[in-house]
């Protein structure tokens, strides 16, 4: 791996339709997801990455209000999205799969 870090944009792959749950991006190992939003009707994630690192699936958890959360998600959502009157909360797993949540200051 190099010491080069860049912000890249990725399409979010969702495992199932609303009610949702598992989602992921295919990004370099060590990706730090900093934002998730809709852009041009596509759900996208922005991450700080080392573009020379090998790529892997980086998981996200998308939850609608009232949906049960797995125990391995960060206790605070990364962001909240609203689309067509539906609110979706985006969570990251707790230090899993070789990546970390970006530190916020």
PDB file of N, CA and C in Angstrom:
ATOM      1  N   UNK A   1       0.828  -1.179   0.000  1.00  0.00           N
ATOM      2  CA  UNK A   1       0.000   0.000   0.000  1.00  0.00           C
ATOM      3  C   UNK A   1       0.873   1.244   0.000  1.00  0.00           C
ATOM      4  N   UNK A   2       0.312   2.288  -0.541  1.00  0.00           N
ATOM      5  CA  UNK A   2       1.051   3.552  -0.603  1.00  0.00           C
ATOM      6  C   UNK A   2       0.554   4.495   0.478  1.00  0.00           C
ATOM      7  N   UNK A   3       1.173   5.645   0.559  1.00  0.00           N
ATOM      8  CA  UNK A   3       0.722   6.673   1.497  1.00  0.00           C
ATOM      9  C   UNK A   3      -0.215   7.667   0.825  1.00  0.00           C
ATOM     10  N   UNK A   4      -0.615   7.381  -0.408  1.00  0.00           N
ATOM     11  CA  UNK A   4      -1.511   8.266  -1.148  1.00  0.00           C
ATOM     12  C   UNK A   4      -2.943   8.006  -0.698  1.00  0.00           C
ATOM     13  N   UNK A   5      -3.619   9.061  -0.266  1.00  0.00           N
ATOM     14  CA  UNK A   5      -5.026   8.936   0.111  1.00  0.00           C
ATOM     15  C   UNK A   5      -5.825   9.917  -0.730  1.00  0.00           C
ATOM     16  N   UNK A   6      -6.972   9.459  -1.196  1.00  0.00           N
ATOM     17  CA  UNK A   6      -7.839  10.281  -2.033  1.00  0.00           C
ATOM     18  C   UNK A   6      -9.289  10.039  -1.633  1.00  0.00           C
ATOM     19  N   UNK A   7     -10.155  10.967  -1.999  1.00  0.00           N
ATOM     20  CA  UNK A   7     -11.587  10.751  -1.807  1.00  0.00           C
ATOM     21  C   UNK A   7     -12.154  10.250  -3.126  1.00  0.00           C
ATOM     22  N   UNK A   8     -12.775   9.077  -3.080  1.00  0.00           N
ATOM     23  CA  UNK A   8     -13.410   8.478  -4.248  1.00  0.00           C
ATOM     24  C   UNK A   8     -14.891   8.283  -3.960  1.00  0.00           C
ATOM     25  N   UNK A   9     -15.672   8.225  -5.034  1.00  0.00           N
ATOM     26  CA  UNK A   9     -17.120   8.024  -4.959  1.00  0.00           C
ATOM     27  C   UNK A   9     -17.447   6.618  -5.452  1.00  0.00           C
ATOM     28  N   UNK A  10     -18.389   5.953  -4.768  1.00  0.00           N
ATOM     29  CA  UNK A  10     -18.777   4.585  -5.114  1.00  0.00           C
ATOM     30  C   UNK A  10     -20.297   4.451  -5.123  1.00  0.00           C
ATOM     31  N   UNK A  11     -20.819   3.669  -6.061  1.00  0.00           N
ATOM     32  CA  UNK A  11     -22.234   3.310  -6.033  1.00  0.00           C
ATOM     33  C   UNK A  11     -22.446   2.315  -4.894  1.00  0.00           C
ATOM     34  N   UNK A  12     -23.525   2.487  -4.147  1.00  0.00           N
ATOM     35  CA  UNK A  12     -23.849   1.567  -3.052  1.00  0.00           C
ATOM     36  C   UNK A  12     -24.701   0.442  -3.621  1.00  0.00           C
ATOM     37  N   UNK A  13     -24.278  -0.777  -3.378  1.00  0.00           N
ATOM     38  CA  UNK A  13     -25.015  -1.963  -3.804  1.00  0.00           C
ATOM     39  C   UNK A  13     -25.894  -2.400  -2.635  1.00  0.00           C
ATOM     40  N   UNK A  14     -27.195  -2.459  -2.874  1.00  0.00           N
ATOM     41  CA  UNK A  14     -28.142  -2.796  -1.812  1.00  0.00           C
ATOM     42  C   UNK A  14     -28.609  -4.229  -2.004  1.00  0.00           C
ATOM     43  N   UNK A  15     -28.557  -5.005  -0.916  1.00  0.00           N
ATOM     44  CA  UNK A  15     -28.891  -6.436  -0.969  1.00  0.00           C
ATOM     45  C   UNK A  15     -30.372  -6.696  -1.184  1.00  0.00           C
ATOM     46  N   UNK A  16     -31.238  -5.797  -0.710  1.00  0.00           N
ATOM     47  CA  UNK A  16     -32.677  -5.993  -0.873  1.00  0.00           C
ATOM     48  C   UNK A  16     -33.372  -4.637  -0.933  1.00  0.00           C
ATOM     49  N   UNK A  17     -34.636  -4.652  -1.245  1.00  0.00           N
ATOM     50  CA  UNK A  17     -35.404  -3.417  -1.404  1.00  0.00           C
ATOM     51  C   UNK A  17     -35.751  -2.816  -0.045  1.00  0.00           C
ATOM     52  N   UNK A  18     -36.398  -1.645  -0.026  1.00  0.00           N
ATOM     53  CA  UNK A  18     -36.702  -1.005   1.254  1.00  0.00           C
ATOM     54  C   UNK A  18     -37.253  -1.963   2.295  1.00  0.00           C
ATOM     55  N   UNK A  19     -36.844  -1.682   3.481  1.00  0.00           N
ATOM     56  CA  UNK A  19     -36.846  -2.575   4.618  1.00  0.00           C
ATOM     57  C   UNK A  19     -35.374  -2.838   4.803  1.00  0.00           C
ATOM     58  N   UNK A  20     -34.719  -2.803   3.719  1.00  0.00           N
ATOM     59  CA  UNK A  20     -33.291  -2.891   3.454  1.00  0.00           C
ATOM     60  C   UNK A  20     -32.506  -3.714   4.430  1.00  0.00           C
ATOM     61  N   UNK A  21     -31.366  -3.254   4.806  1.00  0.00           N
ATOM     62  CA  UNK A  21     -30.472  -4.033   5.645  1.00  0.00           C
ATOM     63  C   UNK A  21     -29.091  -3.944   5.074  1.00  0.00           C
ATOM     64  N   UNK A  22     -28.607  -5.052   4.558  1.00  0.00           N
ATOM     65  CA  UNK A  22     -27.248  -5.126   4.062  1.00  0.00           C
ATOM     66  C   UNK A  22     -27.037  -4.343   2.789  1.00  0.00           C
ATOM     67  N   UNK A  23     -25.942  -3.631   2.752  1.00  0.00           N
ATOM     68  CA  UNK A  23     -25.514  -2.885   1.568  1.00  0.00           C
ATOM     69  C   UNK A  23     -23.993  -2.855   1.604  1.00  0.00           C
ATOM     70  N   UNK A  24     -23.369  -2.495   0.494  1.00  0.00           N
ATOM     71  CA  UNK A  24     -21.908  -2.438   0.477  1.00  0.00           C
ATOM     72  C   UNK A  24     -21.423  -1.581  -0.681  1.00  0.00           C
ATOM     73  N   UNK A  25     -20.145  -1.230  -0.592  1.00  0.00           N
ATOM     74  CA  UNK A  25     -19.431  -0.653  -1.726  1.00  0.00           C
ATOM     75  C   UNK A  25     -18.228  -1.543  -1.982  1.00  0.00           C
ATOM     76  N   UNK A  26     -17.747  -1.556  -3.196  1.00  0.00           N
ATOM     77  CA  UNK A  26     -16.535  -2.290  -3.550  1.00  0.00           C
ATOM     78  C   UNK A  26     -15.430  -1.249  -3.622  1.00  0.00           C
ATOM     79  N   UNK A  27     -14.551  -1.241  -2.611  1.00  0.00           N
ATOM     80  CA  UNK A  27     -13.554  -0.187  -2.457  1.00  0.00           C
ATOM     81  C   UNK A  27     -12.261  -0.775  -1.906  1.00  0.00           C
ATOM     82  N   UNK A  28     -11.183  -0.003  -1.950  1.00  0.00           N
ATOM     83  CA  UNK A  28      -9.920  -0.498  -1.402  1.00  0.00           C
ATOM     84  C   UNK A  28     -10.020  -0.798   0.101  1.00  0.00           C
ATOM     85  N   UNK A  29      -9.284  -1.827   0.540  1.00  0.00           N
ATOM     86  CA  UNK A  29      -9.214  -2.153   1.964  1.00  0.00           C
ATOM     87  C   UNK A  29      -8.800  -0.914   2.744  1.00  0.00           C
ATOM     88  N   UNK A  30      -9.355  -0.760   3.928  1.00  0.00           N
ATOM     89  CA  UNK A  30      -9.044   0.399   4.756  1.00  0.00           C
ATOM     90  C   UNK A  30      -9.868   1.625   4.435  1.00  0.00           C
ATOM     91  N   UNK A  31     -10.843   1.505   3.517  1.00  0.00           N
ATOM     92  CA  UNK A  31     -11.677   2.655   3.136  1.00  0.00           C
ATOM     93  C   UNK A  31     -12.356   3.251   4.360  1.00  0.00           C
ATOM     94  N   UNK A  32     -12.342   4.569   4.452  1.00  0.00           N
ATOM     95  CA  UNK A  32     -13.028   5.290   5.524  1.00  0.00           C
ATOM     96  C   UNK A  32     -14.212   6.011   4.894  1.00  0.00           C
ATOM     97  N   UNK A  33     -15.408   5.489   5.099  1.00  0.00           N
ATOM     98  CA  UNK A  33     -16.602   6.085   4.511  1.00  0.00           C
ATOM     99  C   UNK A  33     -16.903   7.381   5.250  1.00  0.00           C
ATOM    100  N   UNK A  34     -17.008   8.473   4.497  1.00  0.00           N
ATOM    101  CA  UNK A  34     -17.227   9.782   5.112  1.00  0.00           C
ATOM    102  C   UNK A  34     -18.603  10.352   4.818  1.00  0.00           C
ATOM    103  N   UNK A  35     -19.303   9.818   3.804  1.00  0.00           N
ATOM    104  CA  UNK A  35     -20.608  10.364   3.454  1.00  0.00           C
ATOM    105  C   UNK A  35     -21.362   9.359   2.593  1.00  0.00           C
ATOM    106  N   UNK A  36     -22.689   9.363   2.737  1.00  0.00           N
ATOM    107  CA  UNK A  36     -23.577   8.571   1.888  1.00  0.00           C
ATOM    108  C   UNK A  36     -24.745   9.469   1.536  1.00  0.00           C
ATOM    109  N   UNK A  37     -25.102   9.519   0.240  1.00  0.00           N
ATOM    110  CA  UNK A  37     -26.193  10.389  -0.201  1.00  0.00           C
ATOM    111  C   UNK A  37     -26.710   9.911  -1.554  1.00  0.00           C
ATOM    112  N   UNK A  38     -27.903  10.407  -1.901  1.00  0.00           N
ATOM    113  CA  UNK A  38     -28.413  10.166  -3.248  1.00  0.00           C
ATOM    114  C   UNK A  38     -27.818  11.216  -4.178  1.00  0.00           C
ATOM    115  N   UNK A  39     -27.346  10.775  -5.338  1.00  0.00           N
ATOM    116  CA  UNK A  39     -26.858  11.672  -6.383  1.00  0.00           C
ATOM    117  C   UNK A  39     -27.394  11.136  -7.703  1.00  0.00           C
ATOM    118  N   UNK A  40     -28.112  11.964  -8.434  1.00  0.00           N
ATOM    119  CA  UNK A  40     -28.695  11.542  -9.709  1.00  0.00           C
ATOM    120  C   UNK A  40     -29.498  10.246  -9.562  1.00  0.00           C
ATOM    121  N   UNK A  41     -30.334  10.171  -8.517  1.00  0.00           N
ATOM    122  CA  UNK A  41     -31.199   9.017  -8.253  1.00  0.00           C
ATOM    123  C   UNK A  41     -30.447   7.725  -7.941  1.00  0.00           C
ATOM    124  N   UNK A  42     -29.163   7.811  -7.640  1.00  0.00           N
ATOM    125  CA  UNK A  42     -28.359   6.645  -7.277  1.00  0.00           C
ATOM    126  C   UNK A  42     -27.796   6.859  -5.885  1.00  0.00           C
ATOM    127  N   UNK A  43     -27.860   5.814  -5.041  1.00  0.00           N
ATOM    128  CA  UNK A  43     -27.275   5.900  -3.709  1.00  0.00           C
ATOM    129  C   UNK A  43     -25.768   5.739  -3.841  1.00  0.00           C
ATOM    130  N   UNK A  44     -25.031   6.725  -3.338  1.00  0.00           N
ATOM    131  CA  UNK A  44     -23.573   6.727  -3.477  1.00  0.00           C
ATOM    132  C   UNK A  44     -22.907   6.952  -2.131  1.00  0.00           C
ATOM    133  N   UNK A  45     -21.663   6.477  -2.011  1.00  0.00           N
ATOM    134  CA  UNK A  45     -20.852   6.691  -0.816  1.00  0.00           C
ATOM    135  C   UNK A  45     -19.536   7.314  -1.242  1.00  0.00           C
ATOM    136  N   UNK A  46     -19.048   8.217  -0.406  1.00  0.00           N
ATOM    137  CA  UNK A  46     -17.739   8.824  -0.615  1.00  0.00           C
ATOM    138  C   UNK A  46     -16.824   8.306   0.485  1.00  0.00           C
ATOM    139  N   UNK A  47     -15.607   7.950   0.126  1.00  0.00           N
ATOM    140  CA  UNK A  47     -14.689   7.370   1.101  1.00  0.00           C
ATOM    141  C   UNK A  47     -13.271   7.874   0.854  1.00  0.00           C
ATOM    142  N   UNK A  48     -12.511   7.969   1.942  1.00  0.00           N
ATOM    143  CA  UNK A  48     -11.082   8.244   1.838  1.00  0.00           C
ATOM    144  C   UNK A  48     -10.410   6.888   1.651  1.00  0.00           C
ATOM    145  N   UNK A  49      -9.656   6.753   0.572  1.00  0.00           N
ATOM    146  CA  UNK A  49      -9.070   5.455   0.227  1.00  0.00           C
ATOM    147  C   UNK A  49      -7.615   5.591  -0.196  1.00  0.00           C
ATOM    148  N   UNK A  50      -6.918   4.476  -0.118  1.00  0.00           N
ATOM    149  CA  UNK A  50      -5.611   4.315  -0.753  1.00  0.00           C
ATOM    150  C   UNK A  50      -5.901   3.593  -2.059  1.00  0.00           C
ATOM    151  N   UNK A  51      -5.839   4.283  -3.211  1.00  0.00           N
ATOM    152  CA  UNK A  51      -6.247   3.662  -4.471  1.00  0.00           C
ATOM    153  C   UNK A  51      -5.397   2.460  -4.885  1.00  0.00           C
ATOM    154  N   UNK A  52      -4.243   2.271  -4.236  1.00  0.00           N
ATOM    155  CA  UNK A  52      -3.379   1.142  -4.587  1.00  0.00           C
ATOM    156  C   UNK A  52      -3.654  -0.087  -3.723  1.00  0.00           C
ATOM    157  N   UNK A  53      -4.496   0.044  -2.714  1.00  0.00           N
ATOM    158  CA  UNK A  53      -4.823  -1.099  -1.850  1.00  0.00           C
ATOM    159  C   UNK A  53      -5.747  -2.059  -2.588  1.00  0.00           C
ATOM    160  N   UNK A  54      -5.691  -3.352  -2.265  1.00  0.00           N
ATOM    161  CA  UNK A  54      -6.609  -4.308  -2.907  1.00  0.00           C
ATOM    162  C   UNK A  54      -8.056  -3.988  -2.545  1.00  0.00           C
ATOM    163  N   UNK A  55      -8.961  -4.233  -3.495  1.00  0.00           N
ATOM    164  CA  UNK A  55     -10.368  -3.904  -3.274  1.00  0.00           C
ATOM    165  C   UNK A  55     -11.112  -5.048  -2.594  1.00  0.00           C
ATOM    166  N   UNK A  56     -12.136  -4.668  -1.852  1.00  0.00           N
ATOM    167  CA  UNK A  56     -12.954  -5.626  -1.115  1.00  0.00           C
ATOM    168  C   UNK A  56     -14.351  -5.043  -0.929  1.00  0.00           C
ATOM    169  N   UNK A  57     -15.295  -5.868  -0.499  1.00  0.00           N
ATOM    170  CA  UNK A  57     -16.625  -5.365  -0.157  1.00  0.00           C
ATOM    171  C   UNK A  57     -16.552  -4.674   1.192  1.00  0.00           C
ATOM    172  N   UNK A  58     -17.020  -3.445   1.245  1.00  0.00           N
ATOM    173  CA  UNK A  58     -17.072  -2.657   2.481  1.00  0.00           C
ATOM    174  C   UNK A  58     -18.546  -2.534   2.856  1.00  0.00           C
ATOM    175  N   UNK A  59     -18.966  -3.147   3.963  1.00  0.00           N
ATOM    176  CA  UNK A  59     -20.391  -3.194   4.290  1.00  0.00           C
ATOM    177  C   UNK A  59     -20.937  -1.918   4.919  1.00  0.00           C
ATOM    178  N   UNK A  60     -22.231  -1.708   4.692  1.00  0.00           N
ATOM    179  CA  UNK A  60     -23.022  -0.648   5.322  1.00  0.00           C
ATOM    180  C   UNK A  60     -24.307  -1.312   5.801  1.00  0.00           C
ATOM    181  N   UNK A  61     -25.007  -0.662   6.702  1.00  0.00           N
ATOM    182  CA  UNK A  61     -26.323  -1.157   7.111  1.00  0.00           C
ATOM    183  C   UNK A  61     -27.312  -0.023   6.938  1.00  0.00           C
ATOM    184  N   UNK A  62     -28.347  -0.250   6.160  1.00  0.00           N
ATOM    185  CA  UNK A  62     -29.384   0.750   5.911  1.00  0.00           C
ATOM    186  C   UNK A  62     -30.630   0.324   6.665  1.00  0.00           C
ATOM    187  N   UNK A  63     -31.123   1.202   7.534  1.00  0.00           N
ATOM    188  CA  UNK A  63     -32.281   0.843   8.356  1.00  0.00           C
ATOM    189  C   UNK A  63     -33.356   1.909   8.260  1.00  0.00           C
ATOM    190  N   UNK A  64     -34.584   1.462   8.084  1.00  0.00           N
ATOM    191  CA  UNK A  64     -35.721   2.365   8.140  1.00  0.00           C
ATOM    192  C   UNK A  64     -36.157   2.487   9.599  1.00  0.00           C
ATOM    193  N   UNK A  65     -36.905   3.531   9.908  1.00  0.00           N
ATOM    194  CA  UNK A  65     -37.400   3.724  11.261  1.00  0.00           C
ATOM    195  C   UNK A  65     -38.182   2.493  11.707  1.00  0.00           C
ATOM    196  N   UNK A  66     -37.870   2.012  12.912  1.00  0.00           N
ATOM    197  CA  UNK A  66     -38.548   0.855  13.472  1.00  0.00           C
ATOM    198  C   UNK A  66     -37.910  -0.475  13.125  1.00  0.00           C
ATOM    199  N   UNK A  67     -36.938  -0.483  12.219  1.00  0.00           N
ATOM    200  CA  UNK A  67     -36.299  -1.729  11.815  1.00  0.00           C
ATOM    201  C   UNK A  67     -35.288  -2.175  12.869  1.00  0.00           C
ATOM    202  N   UNK A  68     -35.214  -3.466  13.112  1.00  0.00           N
ATOM    203  CA  UNK A  68     -34.252  -4.037  14.060  1.00  0.00           C
ATOM    204  C   UNK A  68     -32.830  -3.886  13.511  1.00  0.00           C
ATOM    205  N   UNK A  69     -31.894  -3.527  14.395  1.00  0.00           N
ATOM    206  CA  UNK A  69     -30.491  -3.381  14.022  1.00  0.00           C
ATOM    207  C   UNK A  69     -29.682  -4.560  14.541  1.00  0.00           C
ATOM    208  N   UNK A  70     -28.685  -4.993  13.769  1.00  0.00           N
ATOM    209  CA  UNK A  70     -27.801  -6.033  14.291  1.00  0.00           C
ATOM    210  C   UNK A  70     -26.908  -5.428  15.389  1.00  0.00           C
ATOM    211  N   UNK A  71     -26.339  -6.273  16.222  1.00  0.00           N
ATOM    212  CA  UNK A  71     -25.529  -5.799  17.339  1.00  0.00           C
ATOM    213  C   UNK A  71     -24.183  -5.238  16.910  1.00  0.00           C
ATOM    214  N   UNK A  72     -23.728  -5.559  15.717  1.00  0.00           N
ATOM    215  CA  UNK A  72     -22.372  -5.164  15.316  1.00  0.00           C
ATOM    216  C   UNK A  72     -22.312  -3.840  14.546  1.00  0.00           C
ATOM    217  N   UNK A  73     -23.326  -2.982  14.661  1.00  0.00           N
ATOM    218  CA  UNK A  73     -23.252  -1.681  13.992  1.00  0.00           C
ATOM    219  C   UNK A  73     -22.822  -0.606  14.979  1.00  0.00           C
ATOM    220  N   UNK A  74     -22.218   0.455  14.448  1.00  0.00           N
ATOM    221  CA  UNK A  74     -21.842   1.600  15.268  1.00  0.00           C
ATOM    222  C   UNK A  74     -23.115   2.135  15.928  1.00  0.00           C
ATOM    223  N   UNK A  75     -23.041   2.601  17.172  1.00  0.00           N
ATOM    224  CA  UNK A  75     -24.249   3.065  17.857  1.00  0.00           C
ATOM    225  C   UNK A  75     -24.831   4.365  17.302  1.00  0.00           C
ATOM    226  N   UNK A  76     -24.037   5.125  16.574  1.00  0.00           N
ATOM    227  CA  UNK A  76     -24.508   6.382  15.991  1.00  0.00           C
ATOM    228  C   UNK A  76     -24.497   6.258  14.475  1.00  0.00           C
ATOM    229  N   UNK A  77     -25.607   6.586  13.803  1.00  0.00           N
ATOM    230  CA  UNK A  77     -25.612   6.480  12.345  1.00  0.00           C
ATOM    231  C   UNK A  77     -24.637   7.464  11.698  1.00  0.00           C
ATOM    232  N   UNK A  78     -24.105   7.056  10.552  1.00  0.00           N
ATOM    233  CA  UNK A  78     -23.227   7.921   9.769  1.00  0.00           C
ATOM    234  C   UNK A  78     -24.020   9.106   9.231  1.00  0.00           C
ATOM    235  N   UNK A  79     -25.244   8.838   8.768  1.00  0.00           N
ATOM    236  CA  UNK A  79     -26.093   9.889   8.209  1.00  0.00           C
ATOM    237  C   UNK A  79     -27.540   9.432   8.195  1.00  0.00           C
ATOM    238  N   UNK A  80     -28.422  10.359   7.870  1.00  0.00           N
ATOM    239  CA  UNK A  80     -29.846  10.072   7.702  1.00  0.00           C
ATOM    240  C   UNK A  80     -30.238  10.577   6.331  1.00  0.00           C
ATOM    241  N   UNK A  81     -30.894   9.724   5.566  1.00  0.00           N
ATOM    242  CA  UNK A  81     -31.341  10.081   4.220  1.00  0.00           C
ATOM    243  C   UNK A  81     -32.859  10.131   4.204  1.00  0.00           C
ATOM    244  N   UNK A  82     -33.405  10.967   3.339  1.00  0.00           N
ATOM    245  CA  UNK A  82     -34.852  10.971   3.139  1.00  0.00           C
ATOM    246  C   UNK A  82     -35.105  10.926   1.644  1.00  0.00           C
ATOM    247  N   UNK A  83     -35.957  10.000   1.254  1.00  0.00           N
ATOM    248  CA  UNK A  83     -36.263   9.824  -0.166  1.00  0.00           C
ATOM    249  C   UNK A  83     -37.727   9.454  -0.309  1.00  0.00           C
ATOM    250  N   UNK A  84     -38.492  10.270  -1.032  1.00  0.00           N
ATOM    251  CA  UNK A  84     -39.914  10.001  -1.267  1.00  0.00           C
ATOM    252  C   UNK A  84     -40.666   9.765   0.040  1.00  0.00           C
ATOM    253  N   UNK A  85     -40.344  10.543   1.063  1.00  0.00           N
ATOM    254  CA  UNK A  85     -41.024  10.439   2.344  1.00  0.00           C
ATOM    255  C   UNK A  85     -40.543   9.318   3.247  1.00  0.00           C
ATOM    256  N   UNK A  86     -39.559   8.552   2.797  1.00  0.00           N
ATOM    257  CA  UNK A  86     -39.016   7.445   3.591  1.00  0.00           C
ATOM    258  C   UNK A  86     -37.692   7.896   4.202  1.00  0.00           C
ATOM    259  N   UNK A  87     -37.520   7.664   5.499  1.00  0.00           N
ATOM    260  CA  UNK A  87     -36.277   8.010   6.191  1.00  0.00           C
ATOM    261  C   UNK A  87     -35.427   6.750   6.323  1.00  0.00           C
ATOM    262  N   UNK A  88     -34.166   6.865   5.928  1.00  0.00           N
ATOM    263  CA  UNK A  88     -33.220   5.752   5.989  1.00  0.00           C
ATOM    264  C   UNK A  88     -32.016   6.207   6.805  1.00  0.00           C
ATOM    265  N   UNK A  89     -31.633   5.408   7.798  1.00  0.00           N
ATOM    266  CA  UNK A  89     -30.465   5.692   8.623  1.00  0.00           C
ATOM    267  C   UNK A  89     -29.340   4.785   8.145  1.00  0.00           C
ATOM    268  N   UNK A  90     -28.144   5.358   7.946  1.00  0.00           N
ATOM    269  CA  UNK A  90     -27.003   4.600   7.428  1.00  0.00           C
ATOM    270  C   UNK A  90     -26.015   4.372   8.570  1.00  0.00           C
ATOM    271  N   UNK A  91     -25.723   3.098   8.837  1.00  0.00           N
ATOM    272  CA  UNK A  91     -24.796   2.708   9.894  1.00  0.00           C
ATOM    273  C   UNK A  91     -23.588   1.994   9.307  1.00  0.00           C
ATOM    274  N   UNK A  92     -22.474   2.056  10.036  1.00  0.00           N
ATOM    275  CA  UNK A  92     -21.280   1.301   9.693  1.00  0.00           C
ATOM    276  C   UNK A  92     -21.078   0.197  10.725  1.00  0.00           C
ATOM    277  N   UNK A  93     -20.515  -0.937  10.323  1.00  0.00           N
ATOM    278  CA  UNK A  93     -20.188  -1.979  11.302  1.00  0.00           C
ATOM    279  C   UNK A  93     -19.108  -1.473  12.262  1.00  0.00           C
ATOM    280  N   UNK A  94     -19.052  -2.056  13.447  1.00  0.00           N
ATOM    281  CA  UNK A  94     -18.026  -1.698  14.422  1.00  0.00           C
ATOM    282  C   UNK A  94     -16.702  -2.341  14.041  1.00  0.00           C
ATOM    283  N   UNK A  95     -15.752  -1.542  13.575  1.00  0.00           N
ATOM    284  CA  UNK A  95     -14.381  -1.973  13.270  1.00  0.00           C
ATOM    285  C   UNK A  95     -14.317  -3.364  12.648  1.00  0.00           C
ATOM    286  N   UNK A  96     -15.124  -3.601  11.651  1.00  0.00           N
ATOM    287  CA  UNK A  96     -15.163  -4.919  11.029  1.00  0.00           C
ATOM    288  C   UNK A  96     -14.630  -4.858   9.609  1.00  0.00           C
ATOM    289  N   UNK A  97     -14.281  -6.002   9.079  1.00  0.00           N
ATOM    290  CA  UNK A  97     -13.920  -6.174   7.671  1.00  0.00           C
ATOM    291  C   UNK A  97     -12.731  -5.318   7.231  1.00  0.00           C
ATOM    292  N   UNK A  98     -11.825  -5.016   8.143  1.00  0.00           N
ATOM    293  CA  UNK A  98     -10.583  -4.342   7.763  1.00  0.00           C
ATOM    294  C   UNK A  98     -10.715  -2.872   7.435  1.00  0.00           C
ATOM    295  N   UNK A  99     -11.798  -2.235   7.829  1.00  0.00           N
ATOM    296  CA  UNK A  99     -11.900  -0.806   7.579  1.00  0.00           C
ATOM    297  C   UNK A  99     -12.373  -0.120   8.849  1.00  0.00           C
ATOM    298  N   UNK A 100     -12.255   1.200   8.855  1.00  0.00           N
ATOM    299  CA  UNK A 100     -12.637   1.955  10.028  1.00  0.00           C
ATOM    300  C   UNK A 100     -13.502   3.119   9.619  1.00  0.00           C
ATOM    301  N   UNK A 101     -14.364   3.519  10.524  1.00  0.00           N
ATOM    302  CA  UNK A 101     -15.152   4.719  10.325  1.00  0.00           C
ATOM    303  C   UNK A 101     -14.222   5.919  10.418  1.00  0.00           C
ATOM    304  N   UNK A 102     -14.404   6.882   9.556  1.00  0.00           N
ATOM    305  CA  UNK A 102     -13.585   8.089   9.600  1.00  0.00           C
ATOM    306  C   UNK A 102     -13.804   8.820  10.922  1.00  0.00           C
ATOM    307  N   UNK A 103     -12.739   9.304  11.510  1.00  0.00           N
ATOM    308  CA  UNK A 103     -12.842  10.075  12.746  1.00  0.00           C
ATOM    309  C   UNK A 103     -13.434  11.427  12.424  1.00  0.00           C
ATOM    310  N   UNK A 104     -14.341  11.906  13.255  1.00  0.00           N
ATOM    311  CA  UNK A 104     -14.945  13.217  13.055  1.00  0.00           C
ATOM    312  C   UNK A 104     -14.436  14.168  14.119  1.00  0.00           C
ATOM    313  N   UNK A 105     -14.159  15.387  13.698  1.00  0.00           N
ATOM    314  CA  UNK A 105     -13.704  16.398  14.659  1.00  0.00           C
ATOM    315  C   UNK A 105     -14.604  17.598  14.618  1.00  0.00           C
TER     316      UNK A 105
END
